[in-house]
Amino acid sequence: MDEKEIASLLEELMAYARIPRNIRERIEDSIKFLETDRPKEEKISHITSVLDDAANDPNVSSSARTQIWSVISILEQEANNIV
């Protein structure tokens, strides 16, 4: 999975109607972080951390939390494939 595919996953998550605005902003920042020259492992780690914080936000609905966990799971699988 390349950075474009990861960005696509994050964009789909941002489009989900039950994601609060503050979480959308953090996800958007994560998409911008993908464009940096940092190693892929670091990018995935950063995004996973942002999404984990988002999943624990009390303002996030259970359905949005499920969507976030789904993306985290995909990113963790990708991280395992890198190593």
N, C-alpha and C. Protein backbone atom coordinates (compact mmCIF):
# COMPACT_ATOMS: atom_id res chain seq x y z
N MET A 1 0.86 -1.17 0.00
CA MET A 1 0.00 0.00 0.00
C MET A 1 0.90 1.23 0.00
N ASP A 2 0.66 2.12 -0.94
CA ASP A 2 1.48 3.32 -1.00
C ASP A 2 0.77 4.49 -0.30
N GLU A 3 1.45 5.63 -0.28
CA GLU A 3 0.92 6.79 0.43
C GLU A 3 -0.41 7.27 -0.16
N LYS A 4 -0.57 7.13 -1.47
CA LYS A 4 -1.83 7.56 -2.10
C LYS A 4 -3.00 6.71 -1.62
N GLU A 5 -2.77 5.43 -1.47
CA GLU A 5 -3.82 4.54 -0.98
C GLU A 5 -4.16 4.85 0.48
N ILE A 6 -3.14 5.14 1.27
CA ILE A 6 -3.37 5.52 2.66
C ILE A 6 -4.15 6.82 2.72
N ALA A 7 -3.76 7.79 1.90
CA ALA A 7 -4.47 9.07 1.85
C ALA A 7 -5.93 8.84 1.45
N SER A 8 -6.16 7.94 0.53
CA SER A 8 -7.52 7.63 0.10
C SER A 8 -8.35 7.07 1.25
N LEU A 9 -7.76 6.17 2.03
CA LEU A 9 -8.44 5.63 3.21
C LEU A 9 -8.82 6.76 4.18
N LEU A 10 -7.88 7.65 4.40
CA LEU A 10 -8.12 8.75 5.33
C LEU A 10 -9.18 9.71 4.78
N GLU A 11 -9.18 9.94 3.49
CA GLU A 11 -10.19 10.81 2.88
C GLU A 11 -11.58 10.19 3.00
N GLU A 12 -11.66 8.88 2.84
CA GLU A 12 -12.94 8.19 3.02
C GLU A 12 -13.42 8.34 4.46
N LEU A 13 -12.49 8.25 5.39
CA LEU A 13 -12.84 8.41 6.79
C LEU A 13 -13.33 9.83 7.07
N MET A 14 -12.67 10.82 6.50
CA MET A 14 -13.09 12.21 6.67
C MET A 14 -14.47 12.44 6.08
N ALA A 15 -14.81 11.73 5.03
CA ALA A 15 -16.11 11.90 4.37
C ALA A 15 -17.25 11.27 5.17
N TYR A 16 -16.90 10.41 6.10
CA TYR A 16 -17.93 9.76 6.92
C TYR A 16 -18.62 10.83 7.76
N ALA A 17 -19.93 10.89 7.67
CA ALA A 17 -20.71 11.99 8.25
C ALA A 17 -20.61 12.10 9.76
N ARG A 18 -20.30 11.03 10.45
CA ARG A 18 -20.30 11.07 11.91
C ARG A 18 -18.94 11.39 12.53
N ILE A 19 -17.99 11.77 11.72
CA ILE A 19 -16.67 12.17 12.22
C ILE A 19 -16.75 13.66 12.60
N PRO A 20 -16.45 13.99 13.86
CA PRO A 20 -16.49 15.40 14.27
C PRO A 20 -15.45 16.25 13.54
N ARG A 21 -15.71 17.53 13.46
CA ARG A 21 -14.85 18.46 12.71
C ARG A 21 -13.41 18.46 13.23
N ASN A 22 -13.23 18.45 14.56
CA ASN A 22 -11.87 18.48 15.09
C ASN A 22 -11.08 17.24 14.68
N ILE A 23 -11.75 16.11 14.58
CA ILE A 23 -11.09 14.87 14.14
C ILE A 23 -10.77 14.96 12.65
N ARG A 24 -11.69 15.52 11.88
CA ARG A 24 -11.45 15.70 10.44
C ARG A 24 -10.19 16.55 10.22
N GLU A 25 -10.04 17.60 11.02
CA GLU A 25 -8.86 18.46 10.89
C GLU A 25 -7.58 17.70 11.19
N ARG A 26 -7.61 16.85 12.21
CA ARG A 26 -6.41 16.05 12.53
C ARG A 26 -6.12 15.02 11.45
N ILE A 27 -7.16 14.46 10.87
CA ILE A 27 -6.96 13.52 9.76
C ILE A 27 -6.40 14.24 8.55
N GLU A 28 -6.90 15.44 8.29
CA GLU A 28 -6.38 16.23 7.17
C GLU A 28 -4.90 16.55 7.38
N ASP A 29 -4.51 16.87 8.61
CA ASP A 29 -3.09 17.10 8.91
C ASP A 29 -2.28 15.84 8.67
N SER A 30 -2.86 14.70 8.96
CA SER A 30 -2.17 13.42 8.74
C SER A 30 -1.95 13.16 7.25
N ILE A 31 -2.92 13.56 6.44
CA ILE A 31 -2.76 13.41 4.99
C ILE A 31 -1.59 14.27 4.52
N LYS A 32 -1.49 15.47 5.06
CA LYS A 32 -0.36 16.34 4.71
C LYS A 32 0.96 15.74 5.18
N PHE A 33 0.93 15.07 6.34
CA PHE A 33 2.14 14.43 6.87
C PHE A 33 2.62 13.34 5.93
N LEU A 34 1.71 12.70 5.21
CA LEU A 34 2.09 11.67 4.25
C LEU A 34 2.98 12.22 3.14
N GLU A 35 2.88 13.51 2.89
CA GLU A 35 3.64 14.13 1.81
C GLU A 35 5.07 14.48 2.21
N THR A 36 5.42 14.27 3.47
CA THR A 36 6.76 14.60 3.93
C THR A 36 7.74 13.52 3.48
N ASP A 37 9.02 13.78 3.71
CA ASP A 37 10.07 12.83 3.33
C ASP A 37 10.40 11.83 4.44
N ARG A 38 9.57 11.74 5.40
CA ARG A 38 9.82 10.82 6.52
C ARG A 38 9.66 9.36 6.06
N PRO A 39 10.28 8.42 6.78
CA PRO A 39 10.12 7.00 6.42
C PRO A 39 8.66 6.56 6.54
N LYS A 40 8.29 5.61 5.73
CA LYS A 40 6.91 5.14 5.71
C LYS A 40 6.47 4.62 7.08
N GLU A 41 7.36 3.95 7.80
CA GLU A 41 7.04 3.42 9.12
C GLU A 41 6.64 4.55 10.06
N GLU A 42 7.36 5.65 9.98
CA GLU A 42 7.06 6.80 10.83
C GLU A 42 5.72 7.43 10.46
N LYS A 43 5.44 7.50 9.18
CA LYS A 43 4.16 8.05 8.72
C LYS A 43 3.00 7.21 9.25
N ILE A 44 3.12 5.91 9.11
CA ILE A 44 2.05 5.02 9.56
C ILE A 44 1.90 5.10 11.08
N SER A 45 3.00 5.15 11.79
CA SER A 45 2.96 5.27 13.24
C SER A 45 2.27 6.55 13.67
N HIS A 46 2.62 7.65 13.02
CA HIS A 46 2.01 8.94 13.35
C HIS A 46 0.50 8.91 13.11
N ILE A 47 0.10 8.42 11.96
CA ILE A 47 -1.32 8.39 11.61
C ILE A 47 -2.09 7.45 12.54
N THR A 48 -1.50 6.32 12.86
CA THR A 48 -2.14 5.38 13.78
C THR A 48 -2.35 6.04 15.14
N SER A 49 -1.37 6.79 15.59
CA SER A 49 -1.48 7.49 16.87
C SER A 49 -2.60 8.53 16.84
N VAL A 50 -2.67 9.29 15.76
CA VAL A 50 -3.74 10.29 15.61
C VAL A 50 -5.11 9.61 15.62
N LEU A 51 -5.22 8.52 14.89
CA LEU A 51 -6.50 7.82 14.82
C LEU A 51 -6.86 7.16 16.14
N ASP A 52 -5.86 6.65 16.85
CA ASP A 52 -6.12 6.06 18.16
C ASP A 52 -6.65 7.12 19.13
N ASP A 53 -6.05 8.30 19.11
CA ASP A 53 -6.55 9.40 19.93
C ASP A 53 -7.98 9.76 19.53
N ALA A 54 -8.25 9.77 18.24
CA ALA A 54 -9.59 10.09 17.75
C ALA A 54 -10.61 9.05 18.21
N ALA A 55 -10.23 7.79 18.18
CA ALA A 55 -11.14 6.72 18.58
C ALA A 55 -11.49 6.82 20.06
N ASN A 56 -10.60 7.40 20.85
CA ASN A 56 -10.84 7.54 22.28
C ASN A 56 -11.51 8.86 22.65
N ASP A 57 -11.79 9.68 21.66
CA ASP A 57 -12.45 10.96 21.90
C ASP A 57 -13.91 10.70 22.28
N PRO A 58 -14.37 11.26 23.39
CA PRO A 58 -15.76 11.00 23.82
C PRO A 58 -16.82 11.56 22.87
N ASN A 59 -16.45 12.47 21.98
CA ASN A 59 -17.40 13.05 21.04
C ASN A 59 -17.60 12.21 19.79
N VAL A 60 -16.85 11.14 19.66
CA VAL A 60 -16.93 10.28 18.48
C VAL A 60 -18.00 9.22 18.72
N SER A 61 -18.92 9.10 17.77
CA SER A 61 -19.99 8.10 17.89
C SER A 61 -19.41 6.70 17.76
N SER A 62 -20.18 5.73 18.20
CA SER A 62 -19.69 4.35 18.13
C SER A 62 -19.52 3.89 16.68
N SER A 63 -20.37 4.36 15.78
CA SER A 63 -20.21 3.96 14.38
C SER A 63 -18.96 4.59 13.77
N ALA A 64 -18.67 5.83 14.13
CA ALA A 64 -17.45 6.49 13.64
C ALA A 64 -16.22 5.81 14.24
N ARG A 65 -16.33 5.43 15.51
CA ARG A 65 -15.22 4.74 16.17
C ARG A 65 -14.91 3.43 15.45
N THR A 66 -15.94 2.73 15.03
CA THR A 66 -15.76 1.48 14.29
C THR A 66 -15.03 1.73 12.98
N GLN A 67 -15.39 2.81 12.28
CA GLN A 67 -14.72 3.17 11.04
C GLN A 67 -13.24 3.48 11.29
N ILE A 68 -12.97 4.21 12.36
CA ILE A 68 -11.59 4.56 12.71
C ILE A 68 -10.79 3.30 13.01
N TRP A 69 -11.36 2.40 13.80
CA TRP A 69 -10.66 1.15 14.12
C TRP A 69 -10.37 0.34 12.88
N SER A 70 -11.28 0.37 11.94
CA SER A 70 -11.07 -0.35 10.68
C SER A 70 -9.83 0.17 9.95
N VAL A 71 -9.70 1.48 9.88
CA VAL A 71 -8.54 2.09 9.21
C VAL A 71 -7.26 1.78 10.01
N ILE A 72 -7.35 1.85 11.34
CA ILE A 72 -6.18 1.52 12.17
C ILE A 72 -5.73 0.09 11.89
N SER A 73 -6.67 -0.81 11.79
CA SER A 73 -6.35 -2.22 11.52
C SER A 73 -5.61 -2.37 10.19
N ILE A 74 -6.09 -1.69 9.17
CA ILE A 74 -5.44 -1.75 7.85
C ILE A 74 -4.02 -1.18 7.93
N LEU A 75 -3.86 -0.07 8.65
CA LEU A 75 -2.54 0.54 8.78
C LEU A 75 -1.58 -0.35 9.57
N GLU A 76 -2.09 -1.01 10.60
CA GLU A 76 -1.24 -1.92 11.37
C GLU A 76 -0.79 -3.11 10.53
N GLN A 77 -1.68 -3.61 9.69
CA GLN A 77 -1.29 -4.70 8.79
C GLN A 77 -0.21 -4.22 7.83
N GLU A 78 -0.35 -3.01 7.35
CA GLU A 78 0.65 -2.43 6.44
C GLU A 78 1.99 -2.28 7.15
N ALA A 79 1.95 -1.83 8.40
CA ALA A 79 3.18 -1.67 9.18
C ALA A 79 3.86 -3.02 9.38
N ASN A 80 3.09 -4.06 9.62
CA ASN A 80 3.66 -5.39 9.78
C ASN A 80 4.29 -5.90 8.50
N ASN A 81 3.77 -5.49 7.36
CA ASN A 81 4.32 -5.90 6.07
C ASN A 81 5.64 -5.21 5.76
N ILE A 82 5.85 -4.04 6.33
CA ILE A 82 7.09 -3.29 6.09
C ILE A 82 8.26 -3.94 6.80
N VAL A 83 8.01 -4.39 8.01
CA VAL A 83 9.08 -4.94 8.84
C VAL A 83 9.53 -6.27 8.38
